[in-house]
Protein backbone atom coordinates (compact mmCIF):
# COMPACT_ATOMS: atom_id res chain seq x y z
CA UNK A 1 0.00 0.00 0.00
CA UNK A 2 2.79 2.42 0.80
CA UNK A 3 4.47 1.73 -2.53
CA UNK A 4 1.37 2.52 -4.62
CA UNK A 5 0.74 5.64 -2.54
CA UNK A 6 4.29 6.79 -3.28
CA UNK A 7 3.82 6.20 -7.02
CA UNK A 8 0.51 8.05 -6.96
CA UNK A 9 1.95 10.99 -5.05
CA UNK A 10 4.90 11.05 -7.44
CA UNK A 11 2.54 11.37 -10.39
CA UNK A 12 0.41 14.04 -8.76
CA UNK A 13 3.40 15.94 -7.45
CA UNK A 14 6.58 15.21 -9.43
CA UNK A 15 8.64 17.08 -6.83
CA UNK A 16 8.02 14.21 -4.40
CA UNK A 17 9.37 11.59 -6.78
CA UNK A 18 12.98 10.45 -6.54
CA UNK A 19 13.76 11.65 -10.05
CA UNK A 20 16.36 14.37 -10.18
CA UNK A 21 15.98 17.36 -12.42
CA UNK A 22 18.50 15.84 -14.83
CA UNK A 23 16.47 12.59 -15.11
CA UNK A 24 13.23 14.30 -16.12
CA UNK A 25 12.40 15.12 -19.71
CA UNK A 26 12.97 18.78 -20.47
CA UNK A 27 9.87 20.84 -21.19
CA UNK A 28 9.49 21.41 -24.91
CA UNK A 29 8.59 25.03 -25.60
CA UNK A 30 8.30 27.57 -28.39
CA UNK A 31 8.62 31.31 -27.90
CA UNK A 32 7.12 33.74 -30.39
CA UNK A 33 6.11 37.36 -30.34
CA UNK A 34 2.46 38.43 -30.39
CA UNK A 35 2.31 39.47 -34.09
CA UNK A 36 3.58 36.03 -35.16
CA UNK A 37 1.23 34.25 -32.74
CA UNK A 38 -1.67 36.25 -34.18
CA UNK A 39 -0.68 35.39 -37.75
CA UNK A 40 -0.25 31.69 -36.91
CA UNK A 41 -3.70 31.63 -35.27
CA UNK A 42 -5.22 33.36 -38.32
CA UNK A 43 -3.53 30.83 -40.60
CA UNK A 44 -4.83 27.98 -38.47
CA UNK A 45 -8.38 29.30 -38.50
CA UNK A 46 -8.60 30.31 -42.15
CA UNK A 47 -6.27 28.07 -44.15
CA UNK A 48 -5.63 24.87 -42.22
CA UNK A 49 -8.24 22.36 -43.36
CA UNK A 50 -6.95 19.05 -42.02
CA UNK A 51 -5.14 17.57 -39.04
CA UNK A 52 -2.22 16.70 -41.31
CA UNK A 53 -1.83 20.35 -42.32
CA UNK A 54 -1.99 21.40 -38.66
CA UNK A 55 0.65 18.85 -37.67
CA UNK A 56 2.87 19.98 -40.55
CA UNK A 57 2.57 23.58 -39.37
CA UNK A 58 3.47 22.56 -35.82
CA UNK A 59 6.44 20.51 -37.05
CA UNK A 60 7.67 23.48 -39.05
CA UNK A 61 7.42 25.72 -35.97
CA UNK A 62 9.21 23.16 -33.80
CA UNK A 63 12.00 22.87 -36.35
CA UNK A 64 12.74 26.57 -35.86
CA UNK A 65 12.26 26.87 -32.10
CA UNK A 66 16.00 26.83 -31.39
CA UNK A 67 16.37 30.23 -33.05
CA UNK A 68 15.06 31.83 -29.88
CA UNK A 69 12.07 34.14 -30.03
CA UNK A 70 10.30 33.60 -33.34
CA UNK A 71 9.04 36.77 -35.02
CA UNK A 72 7.21 37.77 -38.19
CA UNK A 73 10.57 37.47 -39.96
CA UNK A 74 10.25 33.72 -39.45
CA UNK A 75 6.67 33.49 -40.77
CA UNK A 76 7.54 32.76 -44.41
CA UNK A 77 9.97 29.99 -43.52
CA UNK A 78 7.43 28.46 -41.13
CA UNK A 79 4.70 28.45 -43.78
CA UNK A 80 7.10 27.29 -46.49
CA UNK A 81 8.30 24.39 -44.32
CA UNK A 82 4.71 23.49 -43.56
CA UNK A 83 3.60 23.51 -47.20
CA UNK A 84 6.63 21.46 -48.31
CA UNK A 85 5.55 18.65 -45.99
CA UNK A 86 1.99 18.86 -47.35
CA UNK A 87 3.30 18.77 -50.93
CA UNK A 88 5.45 15.73 -50.11
CA UNK A 89 2.45 13.95 -48.60
CA UNK A 90 0.28 14.73 -51.62
CA UNK A 91 3.02 13.42 -53.91
CA UNK A 92 3.26 10.19 -51.91
CA UNK A 93 -0.52 9.79 -51.99
CA UNK A 94 -0.56 10.31 -55.76
CA UNK A 95 2.18 7.73 -56.29
CA UNK A 96 0.36 5.27 -54.03
CA UNK A 97 -2.92 5.84 -55.86
CA UNK A 98 -4.69 7.20 -52.79
PDB file of N, CA and C in Angstrom:
ATOM      1  N   UNK A   1       0.824  -1.188   0.000  1.00  0.00           N
ATOM      2  CA  UNK A   1       0.000   0.000   0.000  1.00  0.00           C
ATOM      3  C   UNK A   1       0.870   1.254   0.000  1.00  0.00           C
ATOM      4  N   UNK A   2       1.918   1.254   0.748  1.00  0.00           N
ATOM      5  CA  UNK A   2       2.795   2.416   0.796  1.00  0.00           C
ATOM      6  C   UNK A   2       3.431   2.672  -0.570  1.00  0.00           C
ATOM      7  N   UNK A   3       3.818   1.588  -1.235  1.00  0.00           N
ATOM      8  CA  UNK A   3       4.475   1.730  -2.528  1.00  0.00           C
ATOM      9  C   UNK A   3       3.548   2.388  -3.542  1.00  0.00           C
ATOM     10  N   UNK A   4       2.294   1.933  -3.651  1.00  0.00           N
ATOM     11  CA  UNK A   4       1.373   2.517  -4.617  1.00  0.00           C
ATOM     12  C   UNK A   4       1.048   3.961  -4.255  1.00  0.00           C
ATOM     13  N   UNK A   5       0.981   4.265  -2.958  1.00  0.00           N
ATOM     14  CA  UNK A   5       0.745   5.643  -2.541  1.00  0.00           C
ATOM     15  C   UNK A   5       1.902   6.525  -2.980  1.00  0.00           C
ATOM     16  N   UNK A   6       3.126   6.023  -2.847  1.00  0.00           N
ATOM     17  CA  UNK A   6       4.291   6.792  -3.276  1.00  0.00           C
ATOM     18  C   UNK A   6       4.237   7.054  -4.774  1.00  0.00           C
ATOM     19  N   UNK A   7       3.908   6.028  -5.571  1.00  0.00           N
ATOM     20  CA  UNK A   7       3.822   6.200  -7.018  1.00  0.00           C
ATOM     21  C   UNK A   7       2.761   7.238  -7.339  1.00  0.00           C
ATOM     22  N   UNK A   8       1.602   7.105  -6.702  1.00  0.00           N
ATOM     23  CA  UNK A   8       0.515   8.047  -6.962  1.00  0.00           C
ATOM     24  C   UNK A   8       0.939   9.468  -6.606  1.00  0.00           C
ATOM     25  N   UNK A   9       1.551   9.646  -5.446  1.00  0.00           N
ATOM     26  CA  UNK A   9       1.947  10.990  -5.046  1.00  0.00           C
ATOM     27  C   UNK A   9       3.057  11.518  -5.955  1.00  0.00           C
ATOM     28  N   UNK A  10       3.872  10.621  -6.506  1.00  0.00           N
ATOM     29  CA  UNK A  10       4.896  11.047  -7.439  1.00  0.00           C
ATOM     30  C   UNK A  10       4.315  11.534  -8.747  1.00  0.00           C
ATOM     31  N   UNK A  11       3.195  10.936  -9.155  1.00  0.00           N
ATOM     32  CA  UNK A  11       2.541  11.372 -10.390  1.00  0.00           C
ATOM     33  C   UNK A  11       1.833  12.697 -10.165  1.00  0.00           C
ATOM     34  N   UNK A  12       1.139  12.814  -9.045  1.00  0.00           N
ATOM     35  CA  UNK A  12       0.412  14.043  -8.756  1.00  0.00           C
ATOM     36  C   UNK A  12       1.374  15.195  -8.500  1.00  0.00           C
ATOM     37  N   UNK A  13       2.427  14.917  -7.769  1.00  0.00           N
ATOM     38  CA  UNK A  13       3.401  15.944  -7.448  1.00  0.00           C
ATOM     39  C   UNK A  13       4.794  15.436  -7.798  1.00  0.00           C
ATOM     40  N   UNK A  14       5.283  15.729  -9.014  1.00  0.00           N
ATOM     41  CA  UNK A  14       6.585  15.207  -9.434  1.00  0.00           C
ATOM     42  C   UNK A  14       7.735  15.599  -8.509  1.00  0.00           C
ATOM     43  N   UNK A  15       7.570  16.665  -7.738  1.00  0.00           N
ATOM     44  CA  UNK A  15       8.641  17.084  -6.835  1.00  0.00           C
ATOM     45  C   UNK A  15       8.884  16.047  -5.744  1.00  0.00           C
ATOM     46  N   UNK A  16       7.872  15.230  -5.427  1.00  0.00           N
ATOM     47  CA  UNK A  16       8.022  14.206  -4.396  1.00  0.00           C
ATOM     48  C   UNK A  16       8.660  12.936  -4.927  1.00  0.00           C
ATOM     49  N   UNK A  17       8.765  12.804  -6.240  1.00  0.00           N
ATOM     50  CA  UNK A  17       9.374  11.588  -6.782  1.00  0.00           C
ATOM     51  C   UNK A  17      10.886  11.648  -6.592  1.00  0.00           C
ATOM     52  N   UNK A  18      11.542  10.508  -6.742  1.00  0.00           N
ATOM     53  CA  UNK A  18      12.984  10.454  -6.538  1.00  0.00           C
ATOM     54  C   UNK A  18      13.767  10.825  -7.789  1.00  0.00           C
ATOM     55  N   UNK A  19      13.063  11.237  -8.844  1.00  0.00           N
ATOM     56  CA  UNK A  19      13.764  11.652 -10.051  1.00  0.00           C
ATOM     57  C   UNK A  19      14.451  12.989  -9.810  1.00  0.00           C
ATOM     58  N   UNK A  20      15.670  13.087 -10.273  1.00  0.00           N
ATOM     59  CA  UNK A  20      16.365  14.368 -10.180  1.00  0.00           C
ATOM     60  C   UNK A  20      15.979  15.211 -11.379  1.00  0.00           C
ATOM     61  N   UNK A  21      16.309  16.454 -11.325  1.00  0.00           N
ATOM     62  CA  UNK A  21      15.982  17.357 -12.418  1.00  0.00           C
ATOM     63  C   UNK A  21      16.621  16.876 -13.727  1.00  0.00           C
ATOM     64  N   UNK A  22      17.804  16.320 -13.650  1.00  0.00           N
ATOM     65  CA  UNK A  22      18.503  15.841 -14.828  1.00  0.00           C
ATOM     66  C   UNK A  22      17.830  14.609 -15.445  1.00  0.00           C
ATOM     67  N   UNK A  23      17.127  13.810 -14.628  1.00  0.00           N
ATOM     68  CA  UNK A  23      16.472  12.592 -15.108  1.00  0.00           C
ATOM     69  C   UNK A  23      15.129  12.861 -15.778  1.00  0.00           C
ATOM     70  N   UNK A  24      14.523  13.985 -15.533  1.00  0.00           N
ATOM     71  CA  UNK A  24      13.226  14.304 -16.117  1.00  0.00           C
ATOM     72  C   UNK A  24      13.407  14.795 -17.540  1.00  0.00           C
ATOM     73  N   UNK A  25      12.373  14.589 -18.351  1.00  0.00           N
ATOM     74  CA  UNK A  25      12.403  15.118 -19.711  1.00  0.00           C
ATOM     75  C   UNK A  25      12.298  16.628 -19.648  1.00  0.00           C
ATOM     76  N   UNK A  26      13.083  17.321 -20.464  1.00  0.00           N
ATOM     77  CA  UNK A  26      12.972  18.779 -20.474  1.00  0.00           C
ATOM     78  C   UNK A  26      11.633  19.194 -21.086  1.00  0.00           C
ATOM     79  N   UNK A  27      11.119  20.317 -20.659  1.00  0.00           N
ATOM     80  CA  UNK A  27       9.874  20.842 -21.191  1.00  0.00           C
ATOM     81  C   UNK A  27      10.155  21.382 -22.592  1.00  0.00           C
ATOM     82  N   UNK A  28       9.354  20.941 -23.541  1.00  0.00           N
ATOM     83  CA  UNK A  28       9.492  21.413 -24.909  1.00  0.00           C
ATOM     84  C   UNK A  28       8.684  22.690 -25.041  1.00  0.00           C
ATOM     85  N   UNK A  29       9.305  23.761 -25.518  1.00  0.00           N
ATOM     86  CA  UNK A  29       8.591  25.027 -25.603  1.00  0.00           C
ATOM     87  C   UNK A  29       8.982  25.789 -26.864  1.00  0.00           C
ATOM     88  N   UNK A  30       8.090  26.680 -27.259  1.00  0.00           N
ATOM     89  CA  UNK A  30       8.301  27.567 -28.394  1.00  0.00           C
ATOM     90  C   UNK A  30       8.005  28.969 -27.897  1.00  0.00           C
ATOM     91  N   UNK A  31       8.844  29.918 -28.281  1.00  0.00           N
ATOM     92  CA  UNK A  31       8.625  31.309 -27.904  1.00  0.00           C
ATOM     93  C   UNK A  31       8.458  32.131 -29.165  1.00  0.00           C
ATOM     94  N   UNK A  32       7.345  32.873 -29.230  1.00  0.00           N
ATOM     95  CA  UNK A  32       7.119  33.741 -30.390  1.00  0.00           C
ATOM     96  C   UNK A  32       6.491  35.041 -29.925  1.00  0.00           C
ATOM     97  N   UNK A  33       6.704  36.080 -30.711  1.00  0.00           N
ATOM     98  CA  UNK A  33       6.115  37.357 -30.342  1.00  0.00           C
ATOM     99  C   UNK A  33       4.629  37.371 -30.721  1.00  0.00           C
ATOM    100  N   UNK A  34       3.916  38.365 -30.221  1.00  0.00           N
ATOM    101  CA  UNK A  34       2.463  38.434 -30.392  1.00  0.00           C
ATOM    102  C   UNK A  34       2.049  38.578 -31.868  1.00  0.00           C
ATOM    103  N   UNK A  35       2.719  39.399 -32.674  1.00  0.00           N
ATOM    104  CA  UNK A  35       2.308  39.467 -34.089  1.00  0.00           C
ATOM    105  C   UNK A  35       2.408  38.107 -34.800  1.00  0.00           C
ATOM    106  N   UNK A  36       3.457  37.346 -34.535  1.00  0.00           N
ATOM    107  CA  UNK A  36       3.583  36.028 -35.161  1.00  0.00           C
ATOM    108  C   UNK A  36       2.518  35.081 -34.616  1.00  0.00           C
ATOM    109  N   UNK A  37       2.275  35.099 -33.318  1.00  0.00           N
ATOM    110  CA  UNK A  37       1.234  34.254 -32.738  1.00  0.00           C
ATOM    111  C   UNK A  37      -0.113  34.560 -33.385  1.00  0.00           C
ATOM    112  N   UNK A  38      -0.415  35.840 -33.549  1.00  0.00           N
ATOM    113  CA  UNK A  38      -1.668  36.248 -34.181  1.00  0.00           C
ATOM    114  C   UNK A  38      -1.752  35.714 -35.603  1.00  0.00           C
ATOM    115  N   UNK A  39      -0.690  35.853 -36.355  1.00  0.00           N
ATOM    116  CA  UNK A  39      -0.677  35.389 -37.748  1.00  0.00           C
ATOM    117  C   UNK A  39      -0.815  33.870 -37.828  1.00  0.00           C
ATOM    118  N   UNK A  40      -0.158  33.146 -36.939  1.00  0.00           N
ATOM    119  CA  UNK A  40      -0.249  31.686 -36.911  1.00  0.00           C
ATOM    120  C   UNK A  40      -1.682  31.260 -36.579  1.00  0.00           C
ATOM    121  N   UNK A  41      -2.311  31.944 -35.620  1.00  0.00           N
ATOM    122  CA  UNK A  41      -3.697  31.630 -35.273  1.00  0.00           C
ATOM    123  C   UNK A  41      -4.634  31.931 -36.443  1.00  0.00           C
ATOM    124  N   UNK A  42      -4.411  33.038 -37.144  1.00  0.00           N
ATOM    125  CA  UNK A  42      -5.215  33.358 -38.324  1.00  0.00           C
ATOM    126  C   UNK A  42      -5.049  32.287 -39.396  1.00  0.00           C
ATOM    127  N   UNK A  43      -3.818  31.882 -39.623  1.00  0.00           N
ATOM    128  CA  UNK A  43      -3.533  30.833 -40.602  1.00  0.00           C
ATOM    129  C   UNK A  43      -4.250  29.545 -40.213  1.00  0.00           C
ATOM    130  N   UNK A  44      -4.192  29.202 -38.952  1.00  0.00           N
ATOM    131  CA  UNK A  44      -4.827  27.977 -38.471  1.00  0.00           C
ATOM    132  C   UNK A  44      -6.340  28.033 -38.658  1.00  0.00           C
ATOM    133  N   UNK A  45      -6.917  29.167 -38.406  1.00  0.00           N
ATOM    134  CA  UNK A  45      -8.379  29.296 -38.496  1.00  0.00           C
ATOM    135  C   UNK A  45      -8.855  29.364 -39.938  1.00  0.00           C
ATOM    136  N   UNK A  46      -8.116  30.047 -40.800  1.00  0.00           N
ATOM    137  CA  UNK A  46      -8.599  30.313 -42.151  1.00  0.00           C
ATOM    138  C   UNK A  46      -8.097  29.319 -43.195  1.00  0.00           C
ATOM    139  N   UNK A  47      -6.874  28.848 -43.073  1.00  0.00           N
ATOM    140  CA  UNK A  47      -6.273  28.069 -44.153  1.00  0.00           C
ATOM    141  C   UNK A  47      -6.030  26.599 -43.838  1.00  0.00           C
ATOM    142  N   UNK A  48      -5.898  26.264 -42.585  1.00  0.00           N
ATOM    143  CA  UNK A  48      -5.626  24.871 -42.221  1.00  0.00           C
ATOM    144  C   UNK A  48      -6.940  24.100 -42.275  1.00  0.00           C
ATOM    145  N   UNK A  49      -6.994  23.103 -43.155  1.00  0.00           N
ATOM    146  CA  UNK A  49      -8.240  22.365 -43.364  1.00  0.00           C
ATOM    147  C   UNK A  49      -8.201  20.942 -42.817  1.00  0.00           C
ATOM    148  N   UNK A  50      -7.027  20.430 -42.484  1.00  0.00           N
ATOM    149  CA  UNK A  50      -6.947  19.046 -42.017  1.00  0.00           C
ATOM    150  C   UNK A  50      -5.967  18.937 -40.851  1.00  0.00           C
ATOM    151  N   UNK A  51      -6.067  17.827 -40.133  1.00  0.00           N
ATOM    152  CA  UNK A  51      -5.140  17.566 -39.039  1.00  0.00           C
ATOM    153  C   UNK A  51      -3.713  17.441 -39.554  1.00  0.00           C
ATOM    154  N   UNK A  52      -3.565  16.866 -40.734  1.00  0.00           N
ATOM    155  CA  UNK A  52      -2.225  16.702 -41.308  1.00  0.00           C
ATOM    156  C   UNK A  52      -1.590  18.065 -41.535  1.00  0.00           C
ATOM    157  N   UNK A  53      -2.356  19.007 -42.096  1.00  0.00           N
ATOM    158  CA  UNK A  53      -1.828  20.354 -42.316  1.00  0.00           C
ATOM    159  C   UNK A  53      -1.455  21.026 -40.996  1.00  0.00           C
ATOM    160  N   UNK A  54      -2.280  20.823 -39.976  1.00  0.00           N
ATOM    161  CA  UNK A  54      -1.995  21.398 -38.663  1.00  0.00           C
ATOM    162  C   UNK A  54      -0.721  20.814 -38.069  1.00  0.00           C
ATOM    163  N   UNK A  55      -0.559  19.502 -38.185  1.00  0.00           N
ATOM    164  CA  UNK A  55       0.648  18.848 -37.673  1.00  0.00           C
ATOM    165  C   UNK A  55       1.886  19.291 -38.455  1.00  0.00           C
ATOM    166  N   UNK A  56       1.742  19.490 -39.747  1.00  0.00           N
ATOM    167  CA  UNK A  56       2.870  19.981 -40.550  1.00  0.00           C
ATOM    168  C   UNK A  56       3.269  21.391 -40.126  1.00  0.00           C
ATOM    169  N   UNK A  57       2.278  22.231 -39.842  1.00  0.00           N
ATOM    170  CA  UNK A  57       2.569  23.579 -39.365  1.00  0.00           C
ATOM    171  C   UNK A  57       3.305  23.518 -38.028  1.00  0.00           C
ATOM    172  N   UNK A  58       2.824  22.697 -37.122  1.00  0.00           N
ATOM    173  CA  UNK A  58       3.468  22.560 -35.822  1.00  0.00           C
ATOM    174  C   UNK A  58       4.896  22.040 -35.966  1.00  0.00           C
ATOM    175  N   UNK A  59       5.095  21.051 -36.824  1.00  0.00           N
ATOM    176  CA  UNK A  59       6.438  20.508 -37.048  1.00  0.00           C
ATOM    177  C   UNK A  59       7.367  21.588 -37.578  1.00  0.00           C
ATOM    178  N   UNK A  60       6.857  22.395 -38.495  1.00  0.00           N
ATOM    179  CA  UNK A  60       7.668  23.481 -39.048  1.00  0.00           C
ATOM    180  C   UNK A  60       8.051  24.491 -37.969  1.00  0.00           C
ATOM    181  N   UNK A  61       7.120  24.803 -37.081  1.00  0.00           N
ATOM    182  CA  UNK A  61       7.418  25.722 -35.974  1.00  0.00           C
ATOM    183  C   UNK A  61       8.454  25.094 -35.044  1.00  0.00           C
ATOM    184  N   UNK A  62       8.269  23.834 -34.705  1.00  0.00           N
ATOM    185  CA  UNK A  62       9.205  23.160 -33.797  1.00  0.00           C
ATOM    186  C   UNK A  62      10.603  23.059 -34.395  1.00  0.00           C
ATOM    187  N   UNK A  63      10.696  22.938 -35.703  1.00  0.00           N
ATOM    188  CA  UNK A  63      12.003  22.870 -36.354  1.00  0.00           C
ATOM    189  C   UNK A  63      12.771  24.177 -36.234  1.00  0.00           C
ATOM    190  N   UNK A  64      12.078  25.263 -35.939  1.00  0.00           N
ATOM    191  CA  UNK A  64      12.739  26.573 -35.860  1.00  0.00           C
ATOM    192  C   UNK A  64      12.810  27.129 -34.446  1.00  0.00           C
ATOM    193  N   UNK A  65      12.338  26.358 -33.473  1.00  0.00           N
ATOM    194  CA  UNK A  65      12.261  26.867 -32.100  1.00  0.00           C
ATOM    195  C   UNK A  65      13.621  27.205 -31.494  1.00  0.00           C
ATOM    196  N   UNK A  66      14.678  26.584 -31.965  1.00  0.00           N
ATOM    197  CA  UNK A  66      16.000  26.826 -31.387  1.00  0.00           C
ATOM    198  C   UNK A  66      16.595  28.169 -31.797  1.00  0.00           C
ATOM    199  N   UNK A  67      15.919  28.904 -32.665  1.00  0.00           N
ATOM    200  CA  UNK A  67      16.370  30.234 -33.055  1.00  0.00           C
ATOM    201  C   UNK A  67      16.213  31.240 -31.918  1.00  0.00           C
ATOM    202  N   UNK A  68      15.381  30.885 -30.947  1.00  0.00           N
ATOM    203  CA  UNK A  68      15.065  31.829 -29.876  1.00  0.00           C
ATOM    204  C   UNK A  68      13.646  32.309 -30.068  1.00  0.00           C
ATOM    205  N   UNK A  69      13.414  33.584 -29.870  1.00  0.00           N
ATOM    206  CA  UNK A  69      12.070  34.136 -30.026  1.00  0.00           C
ATOM    207  C   UNK A  69      11.766  34.243 -31.519  1.00  0.00           C
ATOM    208  N   UNK A  70      10.714  33.539 -31.946  1.00  0.00           N
ATOM    209  CA  UNK A  70      10.302  33.598 -33.337  1.00  0.00           C
ATOM    210  C   UNK A  70       9.491  34.868 -33.560  1.00  0.00           C
ATOM    211  N   UNK A  71       9.723  35.522 -34.701  1.00  0.00           N
ATOM    212  CA  UNK A  71       9.038  36.774 -35.019  1.00  0.00           C
ATOM    213  C   UNK A  71       8.424  36.670 -36.408  1.00  0.00           C
ATOM    214  N   UNK A  72       7.814  37.746 -36.856  1.00  0.00           N
ATOM    215  CA  UNK A  72       7.213  37.775 -38.187  1.00  0.00           C
ATOM    216  C   UNK A  72       8.263  37.522 -39.275  1.00  0.00           C
ATOM    217  N   UNK A  73       9.515  37.767 -38.991  1.00  0.00           N
ATOM    218  CA  UNK A  73      10.568  37.475 -39.965  1.00  0.00           C
ATOM    219  C   UNK A  73      10.671  35.973 -40.228  1.00  0.00           C
ATOM    220  N   UNK A  74      10.199  35.168 -39.313  1.00  0.00           N
ATOM    221  CA  UNK A  74      10.248  33.715 -39.451  1.00  0.00           C
ATOM    222  C   UNK A  74       8.987  33.140 -40.099  1.00  0.00           C
ATOM    223  N   UNK A  75       7.963  33.975 -40.294  1.00  0.00           N
ATOM    224  CA  UNK A  75       6.672  33.487 -40.769  1.00  0.00           C
ATOM    225  C   UNK A  75       6.785  32.770 -42.120  1.00  0.00           C
ATOM    226  N   UNK A  76       7.441  33.370 -43.075  1.00  0.00           N
ATOM    227  CA  UNK A  76       7.537  32.765 -44.412  1.00  0.00           C
ATOM    228  C   UNK A  76       8.218  31.402 -44.360  1.00  0.00           C
ATOM    229  N   UNK A  77       9.284  31.284 -43.593  1.00  0.00           N
ATOM    230  CA  UNK A  77       9.971  29.995 -43.524  1.00  0.00           C
ATOM    231  C   UNK A  77       9.125  28.955 -42.793  1.00  0.00           C
ATOM    232  N   UNK A  78       8.328  29.382 -41.823  1.00  0.00           N
ATOM    233  CA  UNK A  78       7.425  28.458 -41.128  1.00  0.00           C
ATOM    234  C   UNK A  78       6.380  27.932 -42.101  1.00  0.00           C
ATOM    235  N   UNK A  79       5.749  28.843 -42.841  1.00  0.00           N
ATOM    236  CA  UNK A  79       4.703  28.450 -43.781  1.00  0.00           C
ATOM    237  C   UNK A  79       5.291  27.626 -44.923  1.00  0.00           C
ATOM    238  N   UNK A  80       6.456  28.031 -45.398  1.00  0.00           N
ATOM    239  CA  UNK A  80       7.102  27.291 -46.487  1.00  0.00           C
ATOM    240  C   UNK A  80       7.445  25.872 -46.041  1.00  0.00           C
ATOM    241  N   UNK A  81       7.977  25.714 -44.847  1.00  0.00           N
ATOM    242  CA  UNK A  81       8.299  24.392 -44.325  1.00  0.00           C
ATOM    243  C   UNK A  81       7.056  23.542 -44.149  1.00  0.00           C
ATOM    244  N   UNK A  82       5.974  24.184 -43.751  1.00  0.00           N
ATOM    245  CA  UNK A  82       4.706  23.488 -43.564  1.00  0.00           C
ATOM    246  C   UNK A  82       4.134  23.017 -44.899  1.00  0.00           C
ATOM    247  N   UNK A  83       4.177  23.869 -45.903  1.00  0.00           N
ATOM    248  CA  UNK A  83       3.601  23.506 -47.199  1.00  0.00           C
ATOM    249  C   UNK A  83       4.456  22.479 -47.922  1.00  0.00           C
ATOM    250  N   UNK A  84       5.765  22.480 -47.690  1.00  0.00           N
ATOM    251  CA  UNK A  84       6.625  21.464 -48.309  1.00  0.00           C
ATOM    252  C   UNK A  84       6.237  20.080 -47.823  1.00  0.00           C
ATOM    253  N   UNK A  85       5.962  19.949 -46.535  1.00  0.00           N
ATOM    254  CA  UNK A  85       5.553  18.649 -45.993  1.00  0.00           C
ATOM    255  C   UNK A  85       4.215  18.224 -46.586  1.00  0.00           C
ATOM    256  N   UNK A  86       3.284  19.172 -46.752  1.00  0.00           N
ATOM    257  CA  UNK A  86       1.985  18.856 -47.346  1.00  0.00           C
ATOM    258  C   UNK A  86       2.161  18.433 -48.793  1.00  0.00           C
ATOM    259  N   UNK A  87       3.029  19.125 -49.538  1.00  0.00           N
ATOM    260  CA  UNK A  87       3.299  18.767 -50.928  1.00  0.00           C
ATOM    261  C   UNK A  87       3.916  17.378 -51.027  1.00  0.00           C
ATOM    262  N   UNK A  88       4.831  17.059 -50.114  1.00  0.00           N
ATOM    263  CA  UNK A  88       5.449  15.734 -50.107  1.00  0.00           C
ATOM    264  C   UNK A  88       4.400  14.655 -49.848  1.00  0.00           C
ATOM    265  N   UNK A  89       3.497  14.919 -48.912  1.00  0.00           N
ATOM    266  CA  UNK A  89       2.451  13.953 -48.596  1.00  0.00           C
ATOM    267  C   UNK A  89       1.531  13.754 -49.796  1.00  0.00           C
ATOM    268  N   UNK A  90       1.147  14.832 -50.448  1.00  0.00           N
ATOM    269  CA  UNK A  90       0.282  14.733 -51.624  1.00  0.00           C
ATOM    270  C   UNK A  90       0.971  13.947 -52.735  1.00  0.00           C
ATOM    271  N   UNK A  91       2.264  14.159 -52.914  1.00  0.00           N
ATOM    272  CA  UNK A  91       3.022  13.425 -53.913  1.00  0.00           C
ATOM    273  C   UNK A  91       3.057  11.922 -53.596  1.00  0.00           C
ATOM    274  N   UNK A  92       3.250  11.597 -52.330  1.00  0.00           N
ATOM    275  CA  UNK A  92       3.265  10.193 -51.908  1.00  0.00           C
ATOM    276  C   UNK A  92       1.895   9.568 -52.133  1.00  0.00           C
ATOM    277  N   UNK A  93       0.827  10.296 -51.792  1.00  0.00           N
ATOM    278  CA  UNK A  93      -0.521   9.789 -51.986  1.00  0.00           C
ATOM    279  C   UNK A  93      -0.793   9.532 -53.475  1.00  0.00           C
ATOM    280  N   UNK A  94      -0.343  10.453 -54.315  1.00  0.00           N
ATOM    281  CA  UNK A  94      -0.556  10.311 -55.759  1.00  0.00           C
ATOM    282  C   UNK A  94       0.174   9.068 -56.291  1.00  0.00           C
ATOM    283  N   UNK A  95       1.409   8.898 -55.858  1.00  0.00           N
ATOM    284  CA  UNK A  95       2.181   7.732 -56.288  1.00  0.00           C
ATOM    285  C   UNK A  95       1.560   6.426 -55.792  1.00  0.00           C
ATOM    286  N   UNK A  96       0.964   6.471 -54.606  1.00  0.00           N
ATOM    287  CA  UNK A  96       0.360   5.271 -54.030  1.00  0.00           C
ATOM    288  C   UNK A  96      -1.057   5.038 -54.561  1.00  0.00           C
ATOM    289  N   UNK A  97      -1.575   5.984 -55.326  1.00  0.00           N
ATOM    290  CA  UNK A  97      -2.922   5.840 -55.859  1.00  0.00           C
ATOM    291  C   UNK A  97      -4.010   6.090 -54.848  1.00  0.00           C
ATOM    292  N   UNK A  98      -3.698   6.897 -53.845  1.00  0.00           N
ATOM    293  CA  UNK A  98      -4.688   7.204 -52.793  1.00  0.00           C
ATOM    294  C   UNK A  98      -5.382   8.506 -53.124  1.00  0.00           C
TER     295      UNK A  98
END
